[in-house]
Every structure is written in structure tokens, then in C-alpha cells.
Protein backbone atom coordinates (compact mmCIF):
# COMPACT_ATOMS: atom_id res chain seq x y z
CA MET A 1 0.00 0.00 0.00
CA THR A 2 1.44 3.34 -1.06
CA PRO A 3 1.70 5.72 1.88
CA LYS A 4 -0.15 8.97 1.53
CA ILE A 5 2.10 11.94 0.87
CA THR A 6 1.47 14.86 3.14
CA SER A 7 3.33 18.07 3.90
CA ALA A 8 4.70 16.43 7.03
CA ASN A 9 6.30 13.37 5.31
CA ALA A 10 6.83 14.61 1.73
CA GLY A 11 10.47 15.43 2.29
CA LYS A 12 11.23 12.02 3.73
CA LEU A 13 9.33 10.08 1.05
CA LEU A 14 10.56 12.08 -1.95
CA GLY A 15 14.17 12.22 -0.78
CA PHE A 16 14.78 15.91 -0.28
CA ALA A 17 14.28 16.30 3.44
CA GLY A 18 16.48 19.06 4.83
CA LYS A 19 17.37 20.32 1.35
CA SER A 20 14.39 22.29 0.12
CA ARG A 21 10.77 23.04 0.96
CA VAL A 22 9.79 24.20 -2.54
CA GLY A 23 6.23 23.21 -3.27
CA LEU A 24 5.47 22.43 0.35
CA SER A 25 3.40 24.45 2.72
CA PRO A 26 5.51 27.02 4.54
CA ARG A 27 6.54 26.40 8.13
CA PRO A 28 4.25 27.91 10.71
CA CYS A 29 5.23 31.46 11.53
CA VAL A 30 6.95 31.86 14.88
CA ALA A 31 6.21 35.25 16.40
CA ASP A 32 9.20 37.25 17.60
CA VAL A 33 8.01 37.69 21.17
CA ARG A 34 9.94 40.30 23.14
CA PRO A 35 9.22 41.63 26.59
CA PRO A 36 7.67 45.09 26.51
CA GLU A 37 9.96 47.99 27.25
CA ARG A 38 9.81 49.25 30.78
CA THR A 39 8.35 52.70 30.44
CA THR A 40 7.30 53.32 34.04
CA MET A 41 9.56 52.78 37.04
CA ARG A 42 8.46 52.73 40.67
CA TRP A 43 10.35 52.79 43.95
CA ARG A 44 9.27 52.57 47.55
CA ALA A 45 11.27 53.00 50.74
CA ASP A 46 14.46 50.93 50.68
CA LEU A 47 15.14 47.95 52.98
CA PRO A 48 17.70 49.76 55.22
CA ALA A 49 15.07 52.41 55.98
CA TRP A 50 12.60 49.70 56.99
CA ILE A 51 15.18 48.10 59.27
CA PHE A 52 16.10 51.42 60.90
CA VAL A 53 12.54 52.61 61.41
CA GLY A 54 11.46 49.15 62.51
CA GLY A 55 14.21 49.10 65.12
CA LEU A 56 13.19 52.47 66.50
CA SER A 57 9.54 51.49 66.60
CA CYS A 58 10.47 48.45 68.71
CA LEU A 59 11.69 50.61 71.60
CA PRO A 60 8.18 51.17 73.05
CA TRP A 61 7.61 47.42 72.81
CA ALA A 62 10.75 46.83 74.84
CA VAL A 63 9.22 48.94 77.60
CA VAL A 64 5.99 46.94 77.37
CA TRP A 65 7.71 43.56 77.61
CA ALA A 66 10.05 44.73 80.35
CA GLY A 67 7.05 45.22 82.63
CA ALA A 68 5.22 42.15 81.39
CA TRP A 69 6.61 40.07 84.28
CA HIS A 70 4.24 41.88 86.59
CA ARG A 71 1.45 43.08 84.33
CA ILE A 72 1.09 44.79 80.95
CA GLU A 73 0.19 48.43 81.25
CA ALA A 74 -2.63 49.34 78.90
CA ALA A 75 -1.22 52.83 78.33
CA ALA A 76 2.24 51.48 77.43
CA LEU A 77 0.70 48.92 75.07
CA LEU A 78 -1.41 51.59 73.39
CA ILE A 79 1.63 53.83 72.90
CA ALA A 80 3.64 50.96 71.42
CA VAL A 81 0.89 50.10 68.94
CA ALA A 82 0.42 53.75 67.96
CA VAL A 83 4.15 54.37 67.46
CA SER A 84 4.65 51.22 65.39
CA GLY A 85 1.55 51.86 63.30
CA PHE A 86 2.52 55.45 62.59
CA ALA A 87 6.15 54.56 61.76
CA PHE A 88 5.23 51.87 59.26
CA ALA A 89 2.41 53.90 57.71
CA TRP A 90 4.79 56.85 57.28
CA LEU A 91 7.44 54.68 55.62
CA PHE A 92 4.97 52.75 53.46
CA SER A 93 3.59 56.00 52.03
CA PHE A 94 6.86 56.98 50.32
CA ARG A 95 6.86 56.42 46.59
CA ILE A 96 8.66 57.71 43.51
CA VAL A 97 7.21 56.98 40.07
CA LEU A 98 8.94 57.91 36.81
CA THR A 99 6.66 57.81 33.77
CA PRO A 100 7.50 58.79 30.18
CA THR A 101 6.04 62.26 30.83
CA GLU A 102 6.26 63.09 34.54
CA VAL A 103 7.75 62.47 37.98
CA VAL A 104 5.36 61.55 40.77
CA PHE A 105 6.26 61.69 44.46
CA ARG A 106 4.04 60.59 47.32
CA SER A 107 4.45 60.81 51.10
CA LEU A 108 2.22 60.66 54.14
CA PHE A 109 2.25 64.35 55.03
CA ARG A 110 2.64 65.92 51.58
CA GLY A 111 0.29 63.64 49.69
CA GLN A 112 0.88 62.99 45.99
CA ARG A 113 2.55 65.62 43.84
CA SER A 114 3.90 65.51 40.31
CA ILE A 115 5.87 67.52 37.79
CA ARG A 116 6.10 67.06 34.03
CA HIS A 117 9.45 66.53 32.37
CA ASP A 118 9.14 69.74 30.37
CA GLN A 119 8.55 71.68 33.61
CA ILE A 120 11.82 70.60 35.23
CA LYS A 121 14.54 73.21 35.52
CA ARG A 122 17.07 71.41 37.73
CA VAL A 123 17.40 68.29 39.86
CA ARG A 124 19.60 68.71 42.96
CA LEU A 125 20.84 66.34 45.64
CA THR A 126 21.53 68.43 48.73
CA TRP A 127 22.51 68.11 52.38
CA SER A 128 21.19 70.66 54.84
CA LEU A 129 20.66 70.83 58.62
CA GLN A 130 18.56 73.99 58.56
CA ARG A 131 15.42 72.05 59.50
CA PRO A 132 16.19 69.59 62.31
CA THR A 133 12.79 67.90 62.00
CA ARG A 134 13.50 66.79 58.42
CA SER A 135 16.02 64.40 56.93
CA PRO A 136 19.12 66.38 55.89
CA MET A 137 19.60 64.59 52.55
CA ARG A 138 17.06 65.95 50.07
CA LEU A 139 16.37 65.34 46.40
CA VAL A 140 14.94 68.59 45.05
CA ILE A 141 13.30 68.94 41.63
CA GLU A 142 13.08 72.64 40.75
CA PRO A 143 10.41 73.77 38.26
CA ARG A 144 10.99 76.17 35.39
CA ASP A 145 9.97 79.78 35.86
CA GLY A 146 6.38 80.32 34.89
CA SER A 147 5.56 76.62 34.85
CA GLY A 148 2.90 77.09 37.50
CA THR A 149 4.02 74.15 39.61
CA ARG A 150 5.90 73.85 42.89
CA GLU A 151 9.20 72.11 43.47
CA LEU A 152 9.32 68.52 44.67
CA ASP A 153 11.29 68.18 47.89
CA ILE A 154 11.95 64.46 48.40
CA ASN A 155 13.40 62.74 51.45
CA ALA A 156 16.27 60.99 49.68
CA LYS A 157 17.41 59.04 52.73
CA VAL A 158 14.58 56.50 52.59
CA PHE A 159 15.07 55.58 48.92
CA SER A 160 17.63 53.33 47.31
CA ARG A 161 20.60 54.63 45.37
CA ALA A 162 19.03 53.25 42.19
CA ALA A 163 16.00 55.48 42.70
CA ILE A 164 18.13 58.56 43.35
CA ASP A 165 20.33 57.82 40.32
CA ALA A 166 17.29 57.38 38.09
CA VAL A 167 15.87 60.78 39.05
CA LEU A 168 19.25 62.47 38.62
CA GLU A 169 19.72 60.84 35.21
CA LEU A 170 16.27 62.01 34.18
CA GLY A 171 17.24 65.54 35.21
CA ALA A 172 20.38 65.30 33.11
CA ARG A 173 18.32 64.27 30.07
CA VAL A 174 15.59 66.89 30.28
CA ALA A 175 17.25 69.76 32.17
CA GLU A 176 20.21 70.15 34.57
CA THR A 177 21.54 67.99 37.38
CA ASP A 178 23.65 68.76 40.44
CA ASP A 179 24.39 65.84 42.76
CA GLY A 180 26.40 68.03 45.12
CA GLY A 181 29.06 65.34 45.36
CA LEU A 182 26.61 63.29 47.46
CA ARG A 183 25.84 60.46 45.06
CA ASN A 184 28.25 58.18 46.93
CA GLY A 185 27.05 59.36 50.34
CA PHE A 186 27.71 62.23 52.72
CA SER A 187 30.67 60.51 54.39
CA THR A 188 32.42 60.09 51.04
CA ARG A 189 31.94 63.77 50.26
CA THR A 190 33.24 64.77 53.71
CA MET A 191 36.33 62.59 53.29
CA ARG A 192 36.97 64.02 49.82
CA GLU A 193 36.73 67.59 51.09
CA TRP A 194 38.98 66.78 54.05
CA LYS A 195 41.64 65.31 51.75
CA LYS A 196 41.40 68.35 49.48
CA HIS A 197 41.74 70.69 52.44
CA SER A 198 44.71 68.71 53.77
CA LYS A 199 46.51 68.85 50.43
CA THR A 200 45.90 72.60 50.17
CA ARG A 201 47.21 73.12 53.68
CA GLU A 202 50.29 70.96 53.08
CA GLY A 203 51.00 72.84 49.86
CA GLY A 204 50.81 76.17 51.71
CA LEU A 205 53.17 74.98 54.47
CA SER A 206 55.69 73.64 51.95
CA ARG A 207 55.72 76.95 50.09
CA ARG A 208 56.30 78.84 53.31
CA SER A 209 59.19 76.57 54.28
CA THR A 210 60.96 77.15 50.97
CA GLU A 211 60.71 80.93 51.19
């Protein structure tokens, strides 16, 4: 019995398998599937911030458990719950979102604010102790004059370095950027300035000794 020739076995039966597919039905099309480009990036508070704030929020609980041998004070327990709840709600509220058109920042006390890319004048990473109730390391996005929007003042300490770098790189693309020498941390900047000051001082002393 002669086997039936189909598109699946024609090459094998007719002797040209692997050489040509002329006259046969084309191979099924295989779609070139690629992951979609990441157009929106989001960041929340970084893990070290959670560890630090979580450790501080445990202090009231230490007071509660220290007196638990006798009895648990209702007032101390209420304070511990309130402090922990507030600390974690405050930290959970932090968010930075970079979209193709705008920067969005959200926090517990300031709510959600945004600025479009074309409204950005400068992105600065600063360190200031003028307001002791706020974190000294700030990521500031200044708006252009006449843009009708306010600057975004972001607590940079709670976010990862990747988040800070992404906002600074965005500023470099659409406007200006000034990292203040703080991209590697305040301690690195302080050490760099100390070394620079030491070299300047040594150079001045050597010049005086030769005169």
C-alpha cells in the first residue's frame, strides 16, 4: 500500500528532506516575542530604611515587655501600637514613580505631587541641617519659571541609590543635574573635602618653608 504523501512526510518520502521546501506548505510562523519595554519605574522606601525605622519602633515594645513580668500596662501597650503603626504607615507611604512624561512623588504628610518633564529646571541632591525635623539629605526637583508648579522636595534618605540615580539621570536628560558630590554618600563627600583641604594646607606649608 502506497503511503499517503502529506506536507509532514513529503520530504522524507521524496528524498529531499532538509534540502528544500519548494512546493510544500511554509513552516508555521513563529512570532518574535519580546518583553515590553519598561516605560514606568516605581520605587518605595528601601530595605535599610525599613530596618532602621522598625528598630526604632520596637523601643516602646521593649518597655511593654520589660514590665510584662508583673502586668502589661494598657497605656504602654497603646503607645507601642500607635508608634509602630505610625512609623510603618509613614514609611509605606513613600513612593517615587517615573513615567514617560512626569515624575510623581508621594508621602504621608505631603500627599501625591507631580511635575512634568518639560517643567523641570534642575534636579539637585543636597545636604542641609537647617530644619532639624527633616532628613538632611534631600532630592529637590526645581520647576521652570512660569511653569505654575511647585518644586518637589523628596526625602532621599529612605530611597535606594538606584531610585536617586534614576531621578538624577532624568534631570540630566531633560534639564540640569547637580548631585552636590553626594551620590556616593555624605561621608564620602566629607572625606573628599577633608583630603582636598589637607593637600591645600600641606602645599601652603611647603611653600612657606621654601621661602
